[in-house]
Amino acid sequence: MSGRPPARDEIAGWVAYLREIGVRELRVVAAAAGPGAAARGPAPARGASVAPPVAPAPARPSLGIGAAPDDAFPDPPPADPAARLADLRAEIGDCTRCKLHGGRTKLVFGVGDPRARLMFVGEGPGAEEDARGEPFVGRAGRKLDQMIASIGLRREDVYIANVVKCRPPNNRDPEPDEIATCSPFLVRQIEAIRPRVIVTLGAPAARTLLGTKTGITRLRGTWQSFRGIPVMPTYHPAYLLRAYTLENRRKVYEDLLAARERLGPR
């Protein structure tokens, strides 16, 4: 990730998000010495509800996308993740593997840093994403940008992808056959990037990666694992826009703070 100082508009976005979740006062904390001090992100603000210390990730990953219990990604990570992603995109091509292709304008592959330590996974493209061919660029995307800025990162510092690469009709949840067809490409994106932490956005993404039927209300804020990678499920930005309560915004902020802390030193 880039080490450049955040621009004024990024700081303004972070402050705006903190105001939305009820923070009215910030305090300055001197940077701690030692490895990883700079990677811990902004100091918690007075008045913000902060998640408790994060326990180590489970030793055995959850059963996501048909994985066996010990089916962790092999080491070491790919030497050139950007090339791996480019090859995967070329392999997908003008995809007609499932019925979603019939209604799409553009296939939405993914965007961000191929070497990102933090990856966000949503369920599928919406109307603006379908038109532009980029994930999370509509209203929910702008909210996600605020969420990312609230933990001191930028959109280009992370990688963003979806379970399915084509827009489901009327923005419905992806159906099981569509997920079964498209999710292996998501797994290969994760394998190429090898992030330190994954944040799933909404129930379909969490259920797909974790192989669970548990609802997002129970899952969010609890550390899970996908093939050895820690996973933090949280609410989808579109849900936040629909249920725009202080409680929901604080919950998401706590989840993101936990993910930021879990990244550890560079």
C-alpha atoms as a PDB file:
ATOM      1  CA  MET A   1       0.000   0.000   0.000  1.00  0.00           C
ATOM      2  CA  SER A   2       1.058   3.521  -0.679  1.00  0.00           C
ATOM      3  CA  GLY A   3       2.685   5.351   2.186  1.00  0.00           C
ATOM      4  CA  ARG A   4       1.735   8.831   0.965  1.00  0.00           C
ATOM      5  CA  PRO A   5      -0.106  11.071   3.457  1.00  0.00           C
ATOM      6  CA  PRO A   6      -3.882  11.171   2.987  1.00  0.00           C
ATOM      7  CA  ALA A   7      -5.164  14.034   0.848  1.00  0.00           C
ATOM      8  CA  ARG A   8      -7.385  16.728   2.322  1.00  0.00           C
ATOM      9  CA  ASP A   9     -10.538  15.312   0.689  1.00  0.00           C
ATOM     10  CA  GLU A  10      -9.772  11.840   2.093  1.00  0.00           C
ATOM     11  CA  ILE A  11      -9.408  13.285   5.606  1.00  0.00           C
ATOM     12  CA  ALA A  12     -12.639  15.218   5.110  1.00  0.00           C
ATOM     13  CA  GLY A  13     -14.413  12.014   4.085  1.00  0.00           C
ATOM     14  CA  TRP A  14     -13.113  10.207   7.160  1.00  0.00           C
ATOM     15  CA  VAL A  15     -14.244  13.019   9.483  1.00  0.00           C
ATOM     16  CA  ALA A  16     -17.660  13.120   7.784  1.00  0.00           C
ATOM     17  CA  TYR A  17     -18.130   9.401   8.351  1.00  0.00           C
ATOM     18  CA  LEU A  18     -17.158   9.713  12.026  1.00  0.00           C
ATOM     19  CA  ARG A  19     -19.718  12.485  12.422  1.00  0.00           C
ATOM     20  CA  GLU A  20     -22.360  10.225  10.888  1.00  0.00           C
ATOM     21  CA  ILE A  21     -21.766   7.571  13.537  1.00  0.00           C
ATOM     22  CA  GLY A  22     -22.033  10.075  16.358  1.00  0.00           C
ATOM     23  CA  VAL A  23     -18.397  11.020  17.027  1.00  0.00           C
ATOM     24  CA  ARG A  24     -18.145  14.663  18.049  1.00  0.00           C
ATOM     25  CA  GLU A  25     -14.605  14.852  19.433  1.00  0.00           C
ATOM     26  CA  LEU A  26     -11.251  13.483  18.215  1.00  0.00           C
ATOM     27  CA  ARG A  27      -8.088  13.100  20.203  1.00  0.00           C
ATOM     28  CA  VAL A  28      -4.519  13.031  18.923  1.00  0.00           C
ATOM     29  CA  VAL A  29      -2.345  10.113  20.001  1.00  0.00           C
ATOM     30  CA  ALA A  30       1.382  10.002  19.374  1.00  0.00           C
ATOM     31  CA  ALA A  31       2.515   7.119  17.212  1.00  0.00           C
ATOM     32  CA  ALA A  32       3.789   4.173  19.211  1.00  0.00           C
ATOM     33  CA  ALA A  33       7.285   2.921  18.571  1.00  0.00           C
ATOM     34  CA  GLY A  34       7.971  -0.555  17.320  1.00  0.00           C
ATOM     35  CA  PRO A  35       6.882  -2.741  14.430  1.00  0.00           C
ATOM     36  CA  GLY A  36       3.344  -2.302  13.191  1.00  0.00           C
ATOM     37  CA  ALA A  37       2.670   0.951  15.010  1.00  0.00           C
ATOM     38  CA  ALA A  38       1.838   2.766  11.774  1.00  0.00           C
ATOM     39  CA  ALA A  39      -0.412  -0.014  10.575  1.00  0.00           C
ATOM     40  CA  ARG A  40      -2.934   0.250  13.356  1.00  0.00           C
ATOM     41  CA  GLY A  41      -4.808   3.087  11.684  1.00  0.00           C
ATOM     42  CA  PRO A  42      -6.448   6.114  13.283  1.00  0.00           C
ATOM     43  CA  ALA A  43      -6.763   6.219  17.040  1.00  0.00           C
ATOM     44  CA  PRO A  44     -10.277   5.453  18.301  1.00  0.00           C
ATOM     45  CA  ALA A  45     -12.242   8.651  18.802  1.00  0.00           C
ATOM     46  CA  ARG A  46     -13.894   9.599  22.062  1.00  0.00           C
ATOM     47  CA  GLY A  47     -17.552   8.685  21.871  1.00  0.00           C
ATOM     48  CA  ALA A  48     -17.030   5.911  19.333  1.00  0.00           C
ATOM     49  CA  SER A  49     -17.886   2.352  20.234  1.00  0.00           C
ATOM     50  CA  VAL A  50     -14.784   0.292  19.591  1.00  0.00           C
ATOM     51  CA  ALA A  51     -14.593  -3.451  19.137  1.00  0.00           C
ATOM     52  CA  PRO A  52     -12.774  -5.455  21.818  1.00  0.00           C
ATOM     53  CA  PRO A  53      -9.304  -6.888  21.115  1.00  0.00           C
ATOM     54  CA  VAL A  54      -9.443  -9.404  18.313  1.00  0.00           C
ATOM     55  CA  ALA A  55      -8.718 -13.022  19.083  1.00  0.00           C
ATOM     56  CA  PRO A  56      -6.440 -15.010  16.742  1.00  0.00           C
ATOM     57  CA  ALA A  57      -8.080 -16.423  13.638  1.00  0.00           C
ATOM     58  CA  PRO A  58      -9.379 -19.990  13.927  1.00  0.00           C
ATOM     59  CA  ALA A  59      -6.708 -22.540  13.100  1.00  0.00           C
ATOM     60  CA  ARG A  60      -9.058 -24.441  10.789  1.00  0.00           C
ATOM     61  CA  PRO A  61     -10.813 -22.411   8.081  1.00  0.00           C
ATOM     62  CA  SER A  62     -14.543 -22.510   7.547  1.00  0.00           C
ATOM     63  CA  LEU A  63     -16.014 -24.621   4.770  1.00  0.00           C
ATOM     64  CA  GLY A  64     -16.319 -21.961   2.092  1.00  0.00           C
ATOM     65  CA  ILE A  65     -17.215 -22.723  -1.547  1.00  0.00           C
ATOM     66  CA  GLY A  66     -16.826 -26.445  -1.196  1.00  0.00           C
ATOM     67  CA  ALA A  67     -13.412 -26.287   0.450  1.00  0.00           C
ATOM     68  CA  ALA A  68     -12.188 -29.145   2.575  1.00  0.00           C
ATOM     69  CA  PRO A  69     -11.341 -28.157   6.184  1.00  0.00           C
ATOM     70  CA  ASP A  70      -7.598 -28.091   5.495  1.00  0.00           C
ATOM     71  CA  ASP A  71      -7.838 -26.605   1.998  1.00  0.00           C
ATOM     72  CA  ALA A  72      -5.786 -23.474   2.682  1.00  0.00           C
ATOM     73  CA  PHE A  73      -4.056 -21.670  -0.138  1.00  0.00           C
ATOM     74  CA  PRO A  74      -0.533 -22.968  -0.752  1.00  0.00           C
ATOM     75  CA  ASP A  75       2.530 -20.905   0.111  1.00  0.00           C
ATOM     76  CA  PRO A  76       4.219 -18.841  -1.118  1.00  0.00           C
ATOM     77  CA  PRO A  77       1.839 -16.326  -2.714  1.00  0.00           C
ATOM     78  CA  PRO A  78       2.104 -15.654  -6.453  1.00  0.00           C
ATOM     79  CA  ALA A  79       5.122 -13.566  -7.485  1.00  0.00           C
ATOM     80  CA  ASP A  80       3.038 -11.417  -9.852  1.00  0.00           C
ATOM     81  CA  PRO A  81      -0.591 -11.176  -8.715  1.00  0.00           C
ATOM     82  CA  ALA A  82      -1.373  -8.507 -11.345  1.00  0.00           C
ATOM     83  CA  ALA A  83      -0.413 -10.922 -14.128  1.00  0.00           C
ATOM     84  CA  ARG A  84      -2.439 -13.694 -12.488  1.00  0.00           C
ATOM     85  CA  LEU A  85      -5.486 -11.435 -12.360  1.00  0.00           C
ATOM     86  CA  ALA A  86      -4.991 -10.350 -15.972  1.00  0.00           C
ATOM     87  CA  ASP A  87      -4.779 -13.995 -17.070  1.00  0.00           C
ATOM     88  CA  LEU A  88      -7.934 -14.810 -15.114  1.00  0.00           C
ATOM     89  CA  ARG A  89      -9.812 -11.907 -16.683  1.00  0.00           C
ATOM     90  CA  ALA A  90      -8.733 -13.084 -20.126  1.00  0.00           C
ATOM     91  CA  GLU A  91      -9.896 -16.616 -19.292  1.00  0.00           C
ATOM     92  CA  ILE A  92     -13.334 -15.374 -18.230  1.00  0.00           C
ATOM     93  CA  GLY A  93     -13.613 -13.506 -21.522  1.00  0.00           C
ATOM     94  CA  ASP A  94     -17.086 -12.565 -22.776  1.00  0.00           C
ATOM     95  CA  CYS A  95     -18.594 -15.017 -20.319  1.00  0.00           C
ATOM     96  CA  THR A  96     -21.786 -16.926 -21.155  1.00  0.00           C
ATOM     97  CA  ARG A  97     -21.409 -19.618 -18.476  1.00  0.00           C
ATOM     98  CA  CYS A  98     -24.636 -18.750 -16.615  1.00  0.00           C
ATOM     99  CA  LYS A  99     -27.932 -17.073 -17.371  1.00  0.00           C
ATOM    100  CA  LEU A 100     -26.860 -13.711 -15.938  1.00  0.00           C
ATOM    101  CA  HIS A 101     -24.886 -12.907 -19.086  1.00  0.00           C
ATOM    102  CA  GLY A 102     -28.092 -12.347 -21.034  1.00  0.00           C
ATOM    103  CA  GLY A 103     -28.976  -9.145 -19.201  1.00  0.00           C
ATOM    104  CA  ARG A 104     -25.604  -7.563 -18.609  1.00  0.00           C
ATOM    105  CA  THR A 105     -24.061  -4.505 -20.214  1.00  0.00           C
ATOM    106  CA  LYS A 106     -20.507  -5.058 -18.963  1.00  0.00           C
ATOM    107  CA  LEU A 107     -18.863  -7.814 -16.998  1.00  0.00           C
ATOM    108  CA  VAL A 108     -17.631  -6.493 -13.634  1.00  0.00           C
ATOM    109  CA  PHE A 109     -14.382  -8.250 -12.717  1.00  0.00           C
ATOM    110  CA  GLY A 110     -12.779  -6.367  -9.830  1.00  0.00           C
ATOM    111  CA  VAL A 111     -10.730  -3.276  -9.049  1.00  0.00           C
ATOM    112  CA  GLY A 112      -7.914  -2.206  -6.772  1.00  0.00           C
ATOM    113  CA  ASP A 113      -4.397  -3.081  -5.713  1.00  0.00           C
ATOM    114  CA  PRO A 114      -3.395  -6.599  -6.856  1.00  0.00           C
ATOM    115  CA  ARG A 115      -1.183  -6.795  -3.759  1.00  0.00           C
ATOM    116  CA  ALA A 116      -3.823  -5.435  -1.388  1.00  0.00           C
ATOM    117  CA  ARG A 117      -3.696  -6.605   2.209  1.00  0.00           C
ATOM    118  CA  LEU A 118      -7.424  -5.916   2.619  1.00  0.00           C
ATOM    119  CA  MET A 119     -10.094  -7.222   0.224  1.00  0.00           C
ATOM    120  CA  PHE A 120     -13.814  -6.422   0.146  1.00  0.00           C
ATOM    121  CA  VAL A 121     -16.277  -8.914  -1.344  1.00  0.00           C
ATOM    122  CA  GLY A 122     -19.855  -8.016  -2.256  1.00  0.00           C
ATOM    123  CA  GLU A 123     -22.592 -10.066  -3.876  1.00  0.00           C
ATOM    124  CA  GLY A 124     -22.961  -8.683  -7.402  1.00  0.00           C
ATOM    125  CA  PRO A 125     -22.996  -5.560  -9.575  1.00  0.00           C
ATOM    126  CA  GLY A 126     -25.835  -3.044  -9.568  1.00  0.00           C
ATOM    127  CA  ALA A 127     -27.060  -0.830 -12.395  1.00  0.00           C
ATOM    128  CA  GLU A 128     -24.204   1.702 -12.318  1.00  0.00           C
ATOM    129  CA  GLU A 129     -21.611  -1.046 -11.918  1.00  0.00           C
ATOM    130  CA  ASP A 130     -23.112  -2.880 -14.892  1.00  0.00           C
ATOM    131  CA  ALA A 131     -22.940   0.290 -16.992  1.00  0.00           C
ATOM    132  CA  ARG A 132     -19.327   1.118 -16.082  1.00  0.00           C
ATOM    133  CA  GLY A 133     -17.838  -2.336 -15.599  1.00  0.00           C
ATOM    134  CA  GLU A 134     -16.453  -1.508 -12.146  1.00  0.00           C
ATOM    135  CA  PRO A 135     -17.668  -2.739  -8.735  1.00  0.00           C
ATOM    136  CA  PHE A 136     -19.153  -0.400  -6.129  1.00  0.00           C
ATOM    137  CA  VAL A 137     -19.423   2.856  -8.079  1.00  0.00           C
ATOM    138  CA  GLY A 138     -23.070   3.751  -7.350  1.00  0.00           C
ATOM    139  CA  ARG A 139     -24.550   5.086  -4.106  1.00  0.00           C
ATOM    140  CA  ALA A 140     -23.424   1.974  -2.226  1.00  0.00           C
ATOM    141  CA  GLY A 141     -19.971   2.395  -3.738  1.00  0.00           C
ATOM    142  CA  ARG A 142     -19.693   5.952  -2.523  1.00  0.00           C
ATOM    143  CA  LYS A 143     -20.706   4.757   0.937  1.00  0.00           C
ATOM    144  CA  LEU A 144     -18.059   2.014   0.737  1.00  0.00           C
ATOM    145  CA  ASP A 145     -15.454   4.659  -0.151  1.00  0.00           C
ATOM    146  CA  GLN A 146     -16.442   6.524   3.039  1.00  0.00           C
ATOM    147  CA  MET A 147     -16.181   3.317   5.028  1.00  0.00           C
ATOM    148  CA  ILE A 148     -12.691   2.647   3.672  1.00  0.00           C
ATOM    149  CA  ALA A 149     -11.614   6.238   4.374  1.00  0.00           C
ATOM    150  CA  SER A 150     -12.923   5.952   7.951  1.00  0.00           C
ATOM    151  CA  ILE A 151     -10.105   3.499   8.749  1.00  0.00           C
ATOM    152  CA  GLY A 152      -7.408   5.574   7.095  1.00  0.00           C
ATOM    153  CA  LEU A 153      -7.229   3.778   3.751  1.00  0.00           C
ATOM    154  CA  ARG A 154      -8.100   4.665   0.167  1.00  0.00           C
ATOM    155  CA  ARG A 155     -10.071   2.777  -2.451  1.00  0.00           C
ATOM    156  CA  GLU A 156      -6.861   2.150  -4.413  1.00  0.00           C
ATOM    157  CA  ASP A 157      -5.230   0.584  -1.320  1.00  0.00           C
ATOM    158  CA  VAL A 158      -7.706  -2.316  -1.242  1.00  0.00           C
ATOM    159  CA  TYR A 159      -9.175  -4.779  -3.729  1.00  0.00           C
ATOM    160  CA  ILE A 160     -12.929  -4.935  -4.373  1.00  0.00           C
ATOM    161  CA  ALA A 161     -14.765  -7.795  -6.071  1.00  0.00           C
ATOM    162  CA  ASN A 162     -18.126  -9.556  -6.111  1.00  0.00           C
ATOM    163  CA  VAL A 163     -19.310 -13.145  -5.885  1.00  0.00           C
ATOM    164  CA  VAL A 164     -20.896 -12.900  -9.358  1.00  0.00           C
ATOM    165  CA  LYS A 165     -19.509 -10.754 -12.159  1.00  0.00           C
ATOM    166  CA  CYS A 166     -22.770  -9.922 -13.954  1.00  0.00           C
ATOM    167  CA  ARG A 167     -25.731  -7.970 -12.626  1.00  0.00           C
ATOM    168  CA  PRO A 168     -28.658 -10.052 -11.323  1.00  0.00           C
ATOM    169  CA  PRO A 169     -32.012  -8.783 -12.661  1.00  0.00           C
ATOM    170  CA  ASN A 170     -33.570  -6.049 -10.507  1.00  0.00           C
ATOM    171  CA  ASN A 171     -30.584  -6.311  -8.143  1.00  0.00           C
ATOM    172  CA  ARG A 172     -31.892  -9.556  -6.645  1.00  0.00           C
ATOM    173  CA  ASP A 173     -29.561 -11.854  -4.715  1.00  0.00           C
ATOM    174  CA  PRO A 174     -27.535 -14.229  -6.888  1.00  0.00           C
ATOM    175  CA  GLU A 175     -29.140 -17.654  -7.214  1.00  0.00           C
ATOM    176  CA  PRO A 176     -27.356 -20.874  -6.200  1.00  0.00           C
ATOM    177  CA  ASP A 177     -26.571 -21.972  -9.767  1.00  0.00           C
ATOM    178  CA  GLU A 178     -25.151 -18.531 -10.583  1.00  0.00           C
ATOM    179  CA  ILE A 179     -22.984 -18.569  -7.462  1.00  0.00           C
ATOM    180  CA  ALA A 180     -21.792 -22.103  -8.224  1.00  0.00           C
ATOM    181  CA  THR A 181     -20.765 -21.047 -11.725  1.00  0.00           C
ATOM    182  CA  CYS A 182     -19.090 -17.734 -10.898  1.00  0.00           C
ATOM    183  CA  SER A 183     -17.662 -18.086  -7.382  1.00  0.00           C
ATOM    184  CA  PRO A 184     -14.656 -20.190  -8.484  1.00  0.00           C
ATOM    185  CA  PHE A 185     -13.392 -17.079 -10.268  1.00  0.00           C
ATOM    186  CA  LEU A 186     -13.683 -15.154  -6.994  1.00  0.00           C
ATOM    187  CA  VAL A 187     -11.659 -17.869  -5.275  1.00  0.00           C
ATOM    188  CA  ARG A 188      -8.945 -17.499  -7.888  1.00  0.00           C
ATOM    189  CA  GLN A 189      -8.934 -13.731  -7.407  1.00  0.00           C
ATOM    190  CA  ILE A 190      -8.421 -14.274  -3.691  1.00  0.00           C
ATOM    191  CA  GLU A 191      -5.702 -16.825  -4.394  1.00  0.00           C
ATOM    192  CA  ALA A 192      -3.877 -14.374  -6.670  1.00  0.00           C
ATOM    193  CA  ILE A 193      -4.141 -11.395  -4.298  1.00  0.00           C
ATOM    194  CA  ARG A 194      -3.685 -13.373  -1.064  1.00  0.00           C
ATOM    195  CA  PRO A 195      -5.013 -10.589   1.195  1.00  0.00           C
ATOM    196  CA  ARG A 196      -4.307 -10.661   4.904  1.00  0.00           C
ATOM    197  CA  VAL A 197      -7.965  -9.912   5.694  1.00  0.00           C
ATOM    198  CA  ILE A 198     -11.251 -10.195   3.786  1.00  0.00           C
ATOM    199  CA  VAL A 199     -14.325  -8.126   4.658  1.00  0.00           C
ATOM    200  CA  THR A 200     -17.550  -9.586   3.265  1.00  0.00           C
ATOM    201  CA  LEU A 201     -20.339  -7.118   2.560  1.00  0.00           C
ATOM    202  CA  GLY A 202     -23.813  -8.523   3.152  1.00  0.00           C
ATOM    203  CA  ALA A 203     -25.295 -11.982   3.604  1.00  0.00           C
ATOM    204  CA  PRO A 204     -24.739 -13.539   0.127  1.00  0.00           C
ATOM    205  CA  ALA A 205     -21.004 -12.821   0.170  1.00  0.00           C
ATOM    206  CA  ALA A 206     -20.583 -14.125   3.719  1.00  0.00           C
ATOM    207  CA  ARG A 207     -22.609 -17.262   3.037  1.00  0.00           C
ATOM    208  CA  THR A 208     -20.698 -17.990  -0.149  1.00  0.00           C
ATOM    209  CA  LEU A 209     -17.210 -17.696   1.323  1.00  0.00           C
ATOM    210  CA  LEU A 210     -18.042 -19.254   4.667  1.00  0.00           C
ATOM    211  CA  GLY A 211     -20.364 -22.027   3.519  1.00  0.00           C
ATOM    212  CA  THR A 212     -22.966 -21.144   6.137  1.00  0.00           C
ATOM    213  CA  LYS A 213     -26.675 -20.379   6.300  1.00  0.00           C
ATOM    214  CA  THR A 214     -26.256 -18.158   9.351  1.00  0.00           C
ATOM    215  CA  GLY A 215     -27.739 -14.692   8.885  1.00  0.00           C
ATOM    216  CA  ILE A 216     -25.574 -11.610   8.607  1.00  0.00           C
ATOM    217  CA  THR A 217     -26.995 -10.138  11.829  1.00  0.00           C
ATOM    218  CA  ARG A 218     -25.451 -13.018  13.776  1.00  0.00           C
ATOM    219  CA  LEU A 219     -22.299 -13.269  11.645  1.00  0.00           C
ATOM    220  CA  ARG A 220     -21.245  -9.639  11.546  1.00  0.00           C
ATOM    221  CA  GLY A 221     -18.559  -8.600  13.955  1.00  0.00           C
ATOM    222  CA  THR A 222     -17.331 -12.185  14.493  1.00  0.00           C
ATOM    223  CA  TRP A 223     -14.065 -13.421  13.047  1.00  0.00           C
ATOM    224  CA  GLN A 224     -14.419 -16.250  10.549  1.00  0.00           C
ATOM    225  CA  SER A 225     -11.938 -17.806   8.127  1.00  0.00           C
ATOM    226  CA  PHE A 226     -11.755 -18.683   4.450  1.00  0.00           C
ATOM    227  CA  ARG A 227      -8.957 -21.097   3.546  1.00  0.00           C
ATOM    228  CA  GLY A 228      -6.698 -19.674   6.220  1.00  0.00           C
ATOM    229  CA  ILE A 229      -7.524 -15.996   5.598  1.00  0.00           C
ATOM    230  CA  PRO A 230      -9.343 -14.127   8.420  1.00  0.00           C
ATOM    231  CA  VAL A 231     -12.792 -12.929   7.339  1.00  0.00           C
ATOM    232  CA  MET A 232     -14.835 -10.157   8.959  1.00  0.00           C
ATOM    233  CA  PRO A 233     -18.489 -10.177   7.832  1.00  0.00           C
ATOM    234  CA  THR A 234     -20.320  -6.868   7.990  1.00  0.00           C
ATOM    235  CA  TYR A 235     -23.390  -5.194   6.536  1.00  0.00           C
ATOM    236  CA  HIS A 236     -23.543  -4.238   2.867  1.00  0.00           C
ATOM    237  CA  PRO A 237     -23.291  -0.471   2.216  1.00  0.00           C
ATOM    238  CA  ALA A 238     -26.655  -0.645   0.432  1.00  0.00           C
ATOM    239  CA  TYR A 239     -28.208  -1.959   3.659  1.00  0.00           C
ATOM    240  CA  LEU A 240     -26.689   0.949   5.566  1.00  0.00           C
ATOM    241  CA  LEU A 241     -28.325   3.354   3.122  1.00  0.00           C
ATOM    242  CA  ARG A 242     -31.697   1.669   3.660  1.00  0.00           C
ATOM    243  CA  ALA A 243     -31.405   1.270   7.434  1.00  0.00           C
ATOM    244  CA  TYR A 244     -29.461   4.421   8.182  1.00  0.00           C
ATOM    245  CA  THR A 245     -29.413   4.227  11.951  1.00  0.00           C
ATOM    246  CA  LEU A 246     -26.654   5.322  14.279  1.00  0.00           C
ATOM    247  CA  GLU A 247     -26.492   1.798  15.690  1.00  0.00           C
ATOM    248  CA  ASN A 248     -25.926   0.189  12.284  1.00  0.00           C
ATOM    249  CA  ARG A 249     -23.298   2.738  11.284  1.00  0.00           C
ATOM    250  CA  ARG A 250     -21.397   2.189  14.527  1.00  0.00           C
ATOM    251  CA  LYS A 251     -21.523  -1.582  14.109  1.00  0.00           C
ATOM    252  CA  VAL A 252     -19.985  -1.344  10.651  1.00  0.00           C
ATOM    253  CA  TYR A 253     -17.329   1.062  11.918  1.00  0.00           C
ATOM    254  CA  GLU A 254     -16.409  -1.370  14.693  1.00  0.00           C
ATOM    255  CA  ASP A 255     -16.140  -4.204  12.164  1.00  0.00           C
ATOM    256  CA  LEU A 256     -13.857  -2.130   9.951  1.00  0.00           C
ATOM    257  CA  LEU A 257     -11.697  -1.058  12.903  1.00  0.00           C
ATOM    258  CA  ALA A 258     -11.255  -4.728  13.817  1.00  0.00           C
ATOM    259  CA  ALA A 259     -10.264  -5.550  10.239  1.00  0.00           C
ATOM    260  CA  ARG A 260      -7.804  -2.640  10.150  1.00  0.00           C
ATOM    261  CA  GLU A 261      -6.221  -3.786  13.410  1.00  0.00           C
ATOM    262  CA  ARG A 262      -6.007  -7.367  12.153  1.00  0.00           C
ATOM    263  CA  LEU A 263      -3.924  -6.288   9.144  1.00  0.00           C
ATOM    264  CA  GLY A 264      -0.961  -5.893  11.472  1.00  0.00           C
ATOM    265  CA  PRO A 265       2.400  -4.503  10.331  1.00  0.00           C
ATOM    266  CA  ARG A 266       3.192  -4.261   6.658  1.00  0.00           C
END
